[in-house]
Amino acid sequence: VCLFMFGPLLRKVFTNQYGESLVNDATWACSPAILLFLIPSSRRPGQALLTWPSVHQNFDFGLLLLIGGSLAISQGFSDSGLSVLLGNSAANIVKHLPPFVLELVIMIIVSLAAQIFSCIGV
């Protein structure tokens, strides 16, 4: 929380020669995890609070790839204009449908998209 509160002050410190900030919200979100790898443990002398073998053993990297892939698909849809094209096409197809049928079509499309791209990317 403190990193997000003092982020604007720290962004002024971490800038490049053109005045662009070198840190963003993702930097502040990853900072505590990085600190856990650096802070020494009192229960296990000579080791950090978090070690890579424990992360490798207990973390589900498949989930990380699923979320990252869905975010990449979402960004690709936005950057390429595919989301606008699909939205305009759908609007032209369903503009003469009754409201109940339109709601049913929207629910089916969203459910199918959520199953294909996972809930994060939709």
N, C-alpha and C. Protein backbone atom coordinates (compact mmCIF):
# COMPACT_ATOMS: atom_id res chain seq x y z
N VAL A 1 0.83 -1.18 0.00
CA VAL A 1 0.00 0.00 0.00
C VAL A 1 0.88 1.25 0.00
N CYS A 2 1.95 1.19 0.78
CA CYS A 2 2.84 2.35 0.85
C CYS A 2 3.50 2.63 -0.49
N LEU A 3 3.85 1.55 -1.21
CA LEU A 3 4.47 1.75 -2.52
C LEU A 3 3.52 2.45 -3.48
N PHE A 4 2.22 2.10 -3.42
CA PHE A 4 1.26 2.75 -4.29
C PHE A 4 1.02 4.20 -3.86
N MET A 5 1.08 4.46 -2.55
CA MET A 5 0.88 5.82 -2.06
C MET A 5 2.04 6.73 -2.44
N PHE A 6 3.26 6.20 -2.31
CA PHE A 6 4.44 7.02 -2.60
C PHE A 6 4.95 6.82 -4.02
N GLY A 7 4.19 6.10 -4.83
CA GLY A 7 4.57 5.85 -6.22
C GLY A 7 4.84 7.10 -7.03
N PRO A 8 3.95 8.10 -6.97
CA PRO A 8 4.22 9.31 -7.75
C PRO A 8 5.53 10.00 -7.37
N LEU A 9 5.89 9.96 -6.09
CA LEU A 9 7.16 10.56 -5.68
C LEU A 9 8.35 9.75 -6.20
N LEU A 10 8.22 8.42 -6.11
CA LEU A 10 9.32 7.56 -6.55
C LEU A 10 9.45 7.54 -8.07
N ARG A 11 8.36 7.76 -8.78
CA ARG A 11 8.43 7.79 -10.25
C ARG A 11 9.29 8.95 -10.74
N LYS A 12 9.29 10.03 -9.98
CA LYS A 12 10.13 11.17 -10.36
C LYS A 12 11.61 10.83 -10.20
N VAL A 13 11.91 9.96 -9.23
CA VAL A 13 13.30 9.57 -8.99
C VAL A 13 13.79 8.62 -10.08
N PHE A 14 12.93 7.65 -10.46
CA PHE A 14 13.31 6.64 -11.44
C PHE A 14 12.82 7.05 -12.84
N THR A 15 13.53 7.98 -13.45
CA THR A 15 13.19 8.42 -14.81
C THR A 15 14.43 8.30 -15.69
N ASN A 16 14.19 8.19 -16.99
CA ASN A 16 15.34 8.14 -17.90
C ASN A 16 15.71 9.55 -18.32
N GLN A 17 16.63 9.67 -19.24
CA GLN A 17 17.13 10.98 -19.64
C GLN A 17 16.09 11.82 -20.37
N TYR A 18 15.01 11.19 -20.83
CA TYR A 18 13.95 11.92 -21.54
C TYR A 18 12.78 12.27 -20.63
N GLY A 19 12.89 11.94 -19.35
CA GLY A 19 11.83 12.25 -18.41
C GLY A 19 10.74 11.22 -18.31
N GLU A 20 10.89 10.07 -18.99
CA GLU A 20 9.88 9.01 -18.93
C GLU A 20 10.11 8.17 -17.69
N SER A 21 9.03 7.78 -17.04
CA SER A 21 9.14 6.98 -15.83
C SER A 21 9.59 5.56 -16.16
N LEU A 22 10.49 5.02 -15.36
CA LEU A 22 10.99 3.66 -15.56
C LEU A 22 10.22 2.64 -14.72
N VAL A 23 9.32 3.10 -13.88
CA VAL A 23 8.53 2.21 -13.04
C VAL A 23 7.05 2.51 -13.25
N ASN A 24 6.23 1.47 -13.02
CA ASN A 24 4.78 1.64 -13.10
C ASN A 24 4.14 0.79 -12.01
N ASP A 25 2.84 0.59 -12.06
CA ASP A 25 2.15 -0.16 -11.02
C ASP A 25 2.62 -1.61 -10.94
N ALA A 26 2.99 -2.19 -12.07
CA ALA A 26 3.49 -3.56 -12.06
C ALA A 26 4.80 -3.66 -11.27
N THR A 27 5.61 -2.64 -11.34
CA THR A 27 6.86 -2.62 -10.58
C THR A 27 6.57 -2.65 -9.09
N TRP A 28 5.62 -1.85 -8.66
CA TRP A 28 5.27 -1.82 -7.24
C TRP A 28 4.62 -3.14 -6.83
N ALA A 29 3.86 -3.76 -7.70
CA ALA A 29 3.21 -5.02 -7.35
C ALA A 29 4.22 -6.16 -7.22
N CYS A 30 5.29 -6.14 -8.01
CA CYS A 30 6.31 -7.20 -7.97
C CYS A 30 7.35 -6.97 -6.89
N SER A 31 7.48 -5.77 -6.40
CA SER A 31 8.51 -5.44 -5.41
C SER A 31 8.44 -6.29 -4.14
N PRO A 32 7.26 -6.50 -3.53
CA PRO A 32 7.23 -7.34 -2.33
C PRO A 32 7.68 -8.78 -2.59
N ALA A 33 7.34 -9.34 -3.73
CA ALA A 33 7.78 -10.70 -4.05
C ALA A 33 9.30 -10.77 -4.19
N ILE A 34 9.87 -9.77 -4.81
CA ILE A 34 11.33 -9.74 -4.96
C ILE A 34 11.99 -9.58 -3.59
N LEU A 35 11.39 -8.76 -2.74
CA LEU A 35 11.95 -8.59 -1.39
C LEU A 35 11.92 -9.89 -0.60
N LEU A 36 10.90 -10.73 -0.82
CA LEU A 36 10.84 -12.00 -0.10
C LEU A 36 12.02 -12.90 -0.47
N PHE A 37 12.53 -12.76 -1.69
CA PHE A 37 13.71 -13.54 -2.10
C PHE A 37 14.99 -12.97 -1.48
N LEU A 38 14.98 -11.73 -1.01
CA LEU A 38 16.18 -11.07 -0.51
C LEU A 38 16.27 -11.01 1.02
N ILE A 39 15.14 -10.97 1.70
CA ILE A 39 15.14 -10.85 3.16
C ILE A 39 15.52 -12.20 3.78
N PRO A 40 16.51 -12.21 4.67
CA PRO A 40 16.91 -13.48 5.29
C PRO A 40 15.87 -14.01 6.27
N SER A 41 15.81 -15.32 6.36
CA SER A 41 14.87 -15.98 7.26
C SER A 41 15.48 -16.17 8.63
N SER A 42 14.69 -15.99 9.69
CA SER A 42 15.18 -16.24 11.06
C SER A 42 15.04 -17.72 11.42
N ARG A 43 14.11 -18.43 10.79
CA ARG A 43 13.92 -19.85 11.07
C ARG A 43 14.93 -20.73 10.33
N ARG A 44 15.35 -20.28 9.15
CA ARG A 44 16.32 -21.05 8.36
C ARG A 44 17.52 -20.14 8.08
N PRO A 45 18.48 -20.13 8.95
CA PRO A 45 19.64 -19.24 8.74
C PRO A 45 20.36 -19.56 7.43
N GLY A 46 20.75 -18.51 6.75
CA GLY A 46 21.45 -18.66 5.48
C GLY A 46 20.52 -18.74 4.29
N GLN A 47 19.20 -18.75 4.51
CA GLN A 47 18.23 -18.78 3.41
C GLN A 47 17.32 -17.57 3.50
N ALA A 48 16.71 -17.26 2.37
CA ALA A 48 15.75 -16.15 2.33
C ALA A 48 14.38 -16.64 2.80
N LEU A 49 13.47 -15.69 3.01
CA LEU A 49 12.11 -16.06 3.39
C LEU A 49 11.45 -16.92 2.32
N LEU A 50 11.74 -16.62 1.07
CA LEU A 50 11.17 -17.36 -0.05
C LEU A 50 12.32 -17.87 -0.91
N THR A 51 12.32 -19.16 -1.19
CA THR A 51 13.37 -19.74 -2.03
C THR A 51 12.78 -20.23 -3.33
N TRP A 52 13.62 -20.28 -4.35
CA TRP A 52 13.14 -20.71 -5.66
C TRP A 52 12.65 -22.16 -5.64
N PRO A 53 13.31 -23.10 -4.96
CA PRO A 53 12.77 -24.46 -4.93
C PRO A 53 11.36 -24.54 -4.35
N SER A 54 11.06 -23.74 -3.32
CA SER A 54 9.70 -23.77 -2.77
C SER A 54 8.70 -23.16 -3.74
N VAL A 55 9.10 -22.13 -4.47
CA VAL A 55 8.21 -21.54 -5.47
C VAL A 55 7.99 -22.54 -6.60
N HIS A 56 9.05 -23.16 -7.05
CA HIS A 56 8.96 -24.12 -8.16
C HIS A 56 8.09 -25.31 -7.78
N GLN A 57 8.14 -25.73 -6.53
CA GLN A 57 7.38 -26.89 -6.09
C GLN A 57 5.91 -26.55 -5.86
N ASN A 58 5.60 -25.36 -5.39
CA ASN A 58 4.23 -25.04 -4.95
C ASN A 58 3.44 -24.13 -5.89
N PHE A 59 4.08 -23.52 -6.85
CA PHE A 59 3.39 -22.57 -7.71
C PHE A 59 2.91 -23.24 -8.99
N ASP A 60 1.71 -22.94 -9.42
CA ASP A 60 1.14 -23.52 -10.63
C ASP A 60 1.48 -22.62 -11.82
N PHE A 61 2.51 -22.99 -12.56
CA PHE A 61 2.94 -22.18 -13.69
C PHE A 61 1.97 -22.27 -14.86
N GLY A 62 1.19 -23.34 -14.92
CA GLY A 62 0.16 -23.45 -15.96
C GLY A 62 -0.87 -22.34 -15.84
N LEU A 63 -1.22 -22.00 -14.62
CA LEU A 63 -2.16 -20.90 -14.38
C LEU A 63 -1.56 -19.58 -14.83
N LEU A 64 -0.28 -19.39 -14.56
CA LEU A 64 0.41 -18.18 -15.00
C LEU A 64 0.38 -18.06 -16.53
N LEU A 65 0.64 -19.17 -17.22
CA LEU A 65 0.59 -19.15 -18.68
C LEU A 65 -0.83 -18.91 -19.20
N LEU A 66 -1.82 -19.47 -18.54
CA LEU A 66 -3.21 -19.27 -18.94
C LEU A 66 -3.61 -17.80 -18.82
N ILE A 67 -3.29 -17.20 -17.68
CA ILE A 67 -3.64 -15.80 -17.48
C ILE A 67 -2.85 -14.90 -18.43
N GLY A 68 -1.55 -15.15 -18.56
CA GLY A 68 -0.74 -14.35 -19.47
C GLY A 68 -1.19 -14.47 -20.91
N GLY A 69 -1.53 -15.69 -21.32
CA GLY A 69 -2.01 -15.90 -22.69
C GLY A 69 -3.33 -15.20 -22.95
N SER A 70 -4.23 -15.25 -21.97
CA SER A 70 -5.52 -14.58 -22.17
C SER A 70 -5.36 -13.06 -22.20
N LEU A 71 -4.46 -12.53 -21.40
CA LEU A 71 -4.20 -11.09 -21.46
C LEU A 71 -3.55 -10.70 -22.79
N ALA A 72 -2.68 -11.56 -23.33
CA ALA A 72 -2.07 -11.29 -24.62
C ALA A 72 -3.10 -11.33 -25.74
N ILE A 73 -4.02 -12.29 -25.68
CA ILE A 73 -5.08 -12.36 -26.68
C ILE A 73 -5.96 -11.11 -26.61
N SER A 74 -6.30 -10.71 -25.40
CA SER A 74 -7.13 -9.52 -25.22
C SER A 74 -6.45 -8.27 -25.77
N GLN A 75 -5.16 -8.12 -25.48
CA GLN A 75 -4.42 -6.96 -25.99
C GLN A 75 -4.30 -7.02 -27.50
N GLY A 76 -4.09 -8.21 -28.06
CA GLY A 76 -4.02 -8.37 -29.51
C GLY A 76 -5.32 -8.00 -30.19
N PHE A 77 -6.45 -8.41 -29.59
CA PHE A 77 -7.76 -8.05 -30.13
C PHE A 77 -7.93 -6.53 -30.15
N SER A 78 -7.52 -5.88 -29.07
CA SER A 78 -7.68 -4.42 -28.98
C SER A 78 -6.75 -3.70 -29.95
N ASP A 79 -5.47 -4.11 -29.99
CA ASP A 79 -4.49 -3.42 -30.82
C ASP A 79 -4.77 -3.59 -32.31
N SER A 80 -5.26 -4.77 -32.71
CA SER A 80 -5.49 -5.03 -34.13
C SER A 80 -6.81 -4.46 -34.63
N GLY A 81 -7.68 -4.08 -33.70
CA GLY A 81 -8.98 -3.57 -34.10
C GLY A 81 -10.00 -4.67 -34.30
N LEU A 82 -9.63 -5.91 -33.98
CA LEU A 82 -10.54 -7.03 -34.16
C LEU A 82 -11.76 -6.91 -33.25
N SER A 83 -11.58 -6.39 -32.05
CA SER A 83 -12.71 -6.25 -31.13
C SER A 83 -13.74 -5.26 -31.68
N VAL A 84 -13.26 -4.18 -32.30
CA VAL A 84 -14.18 -3.20 -32.90
C VAL A 84 -14.89 -3.81 -34.10
N LEU A 85 -14.16 -4.54 -34.92
CA LEU A 85 -14.75 -5.20 -36.08
C LEU A 85 -15.81 -6.21 -35.67
N LEU A 86 -15.50 -7.04 -34.67
CA LEU A 86 -16.48 -8.01 -34.19
C LEU A 86 -17.69 -7.32 -33.59
N GLY A 87 -17.47 -6.23 -32.85
CA GLY A 87 -18.59 -5.49 -32.26
C GLY A 87 -19.48 -4.87 -33.31
N ASN A 88 -18.88 -4.26 -34.34
CA ASN A 88 -19.69 -3.67 -35.41
C ASN A 88 -20.44 -4.73 -36.21
N SER A 89 -19.79 -5.85 -36.46
CA SER A 89 -20.45 -6.94 -37.18
C SER A 89 -21.62 -7.48 -36.38
N ALA A 90 -21.41 -7.68 -35.11
CA ALA A 90 -22.50 -8.18 -34.26
C ALA A 90 -23.64 -7.17 -34.19
N ALA A 91 -23.32 -5.88 -34.14
CA ALA A 91 -24.36 -4.86 -34.07
C ALA A 91 -25.20 -4.85 -35.34
N ASN A 92 -24.55 -5.06 -36.49
CA ASN A 92 -25.31 -5.09 -37.74
C ASN A 92 -26.19 -6.33 -37.84
N ILE A 93 -25.75 -7.42 -37.27
CA ILE A 93 -26.51 -8.67 -37.35
C ILE A 93 -27.73 -8.63 -36.43
N VAL A 94 -27.56 -8.11 -35.23
CA VAL A 94 -28.61 -8.22 -34.22
C VAL A 94 -29.46 -6.96 -34.04
N LYS A 95 -29.32 -5.97 -34.90
CA LYS A 95 -30.04 -4.72 -34.64
C LYS A 95 -31.55 -4.84 -34.83
N HIS A 96 -32.01 -5.89 -35.49
CA HIS A 96 -33.45 -6.04 -35.70
C HIS A 96 -34.04 -7.15 -34.83
N LEU A 97 -33.28 -7.66 -33.88
CA LEU A 97 -33.79 -8.72 -33.01
C LEU A 97 -34.58 -8.14 -31.85
N PRO A 98 -35.58 -8.88 -31.36
CA PRO A 98 -36.29 -8.44 -30.15
C PRO A 98 -35.35 -8.44 -28.95
N PRO A 99 -35.62 -7.62 -27.94
CA PRO A 99 -34.72 -7.50 -26.78
C PRO A 99 -34.43 -8.84 -26.08
N PHE A 100 -35.43 -9.69 -25.93
CA PHE A 100 -35.19 -10.96 -25.25
C PHE A 100 -34.22 -11.84 -26.03
N VAL A 101 -34.38 -11.91 -27.33
CA VAL A 101 -33.48 -12.71 -28.16
C VAL A 101 -32.09 -12.10 -28.16
N LEU A 102 -32.01 -10.78 -28.17
CA LEU A 102 -30.72 -10.09 -28.14
C LEU A 102 -29.96 -10.42 -26.84
N GLU A 103 -30.67 -10.38 -25.71
CA GLU A 103 -30.04 -10.72 -24.44
C GLU A 103 -29.57 -12.17 -24.43
N LEU A 104 -30.35 -13.06 -24.99
CA LEU A 104 -29.97 -14.48 -25.06
C LEU A 104 -28.73 -14.66 -25.92
N VAL A 105 -28.67 -13.98 -27.06
CA VAL A 105 -27.50 -14.06 -27.94
C VAL A 105 -26.26 -13.52 -27.23
N ILE A 106 -26.38 -12.40 -26.52
CA ILE A 106 -25.24 -11.82 -25.79
C ILE A 106 -24.75 -12.79 -24.72
N MET A 107 -25.67 -13.41 -23.98
CA MET A 107 -25.26 -14.36 -22.95
C MET A 107 -24.53 -15.56 -23.54
N ILE A 108 -24.99 -16.06 -24.66
CA ILE A 108 -24.34 -17.21 -25.30
C ILE A 108 -22.95 -16.83 -25.80
N ILE A 109 -22.81 -15.67 -26.42
CA ILE A 109 -21.51 -15.23 -26.95
C ILE A 109 -20.51 -15.03 -25.81
N VAL A 110 -20.93 -14.38 -24.73
CA VAL A 110 -20.04 -14.14 -23.60
C VAL A 110 -19.64 -15.45 -22.94
N SER A 111 -20.58 -16.38 -22.81
CA SER A 111 -20.26 -17.68 -22.21
C SER A 111 -19.26 -18.45 -23.06
N LEU A 112 -19.46 -18.44 -24.37
CA LEU A 112 -18.52 -19.14 -25.25
C LEU A 112 -17.15 -18.48 -25.23
N ALA A 113 -17.11 -17.15 -25.25
CA ALA A 113 -15.83 -16.45 -25.21
C ALA A 113 -15.10 -16.71 -23.90
N ALA A 114 -15.84 -16.76 -22.81
CA ALA A 114 -15.21 -17.03 -21.51
C ALA A 114 -14.63 -18.44 -21.47
N GLN A 115 -15.29 -19.38 -22.10
CA GLN A 115 -14.77 -20.75 -22.13
C GLN A 115 -13.53 -20.85 -23.01
N ILE A 116 -13.48 -20.10 -24.07
CA ILE A 116 -12.36 -20.19 -25.00
C ILE A 116 -11.14 -19.42 -24.50
N PHE A 117 -11.34 -18.20 -24.05
CA PHE A 117 -10.22 -17.31 -23.73
C PHE A 117 -9.95 -17.19 -22.24
N SER A 118 -10.65 -17.88 -21.40
CA SER A 118 -10.63 -17.80 -19.93
C SER A 118 -11.25 -16.48 -19.50
N CYS A 119 -11.62 -16.40 -18.25
CA CYS A 119 -12.36 -15.24 -17.76
C CYS A 119 -11.52 -13.97 -17.69
N ILE A 120 -10.21 -14.07 -17.63
CA ILE A 120 -9.36 -12.89 -17.49
C ILE A 120 -9.35 -12.08 -18.78
N GLY A 121 -9.27 -12.73 -19.92
CA GLY A 121 -9.12 -12.02 -21.18
C GLY A 121 -10.39 -11.46 -21.75
N VAL A 122 -11.52 -11.87 -21.23
CA VAL A 122 -12.80 -11.46 -21.83
C VAL A 122 -13.21 -10.11 -21.33
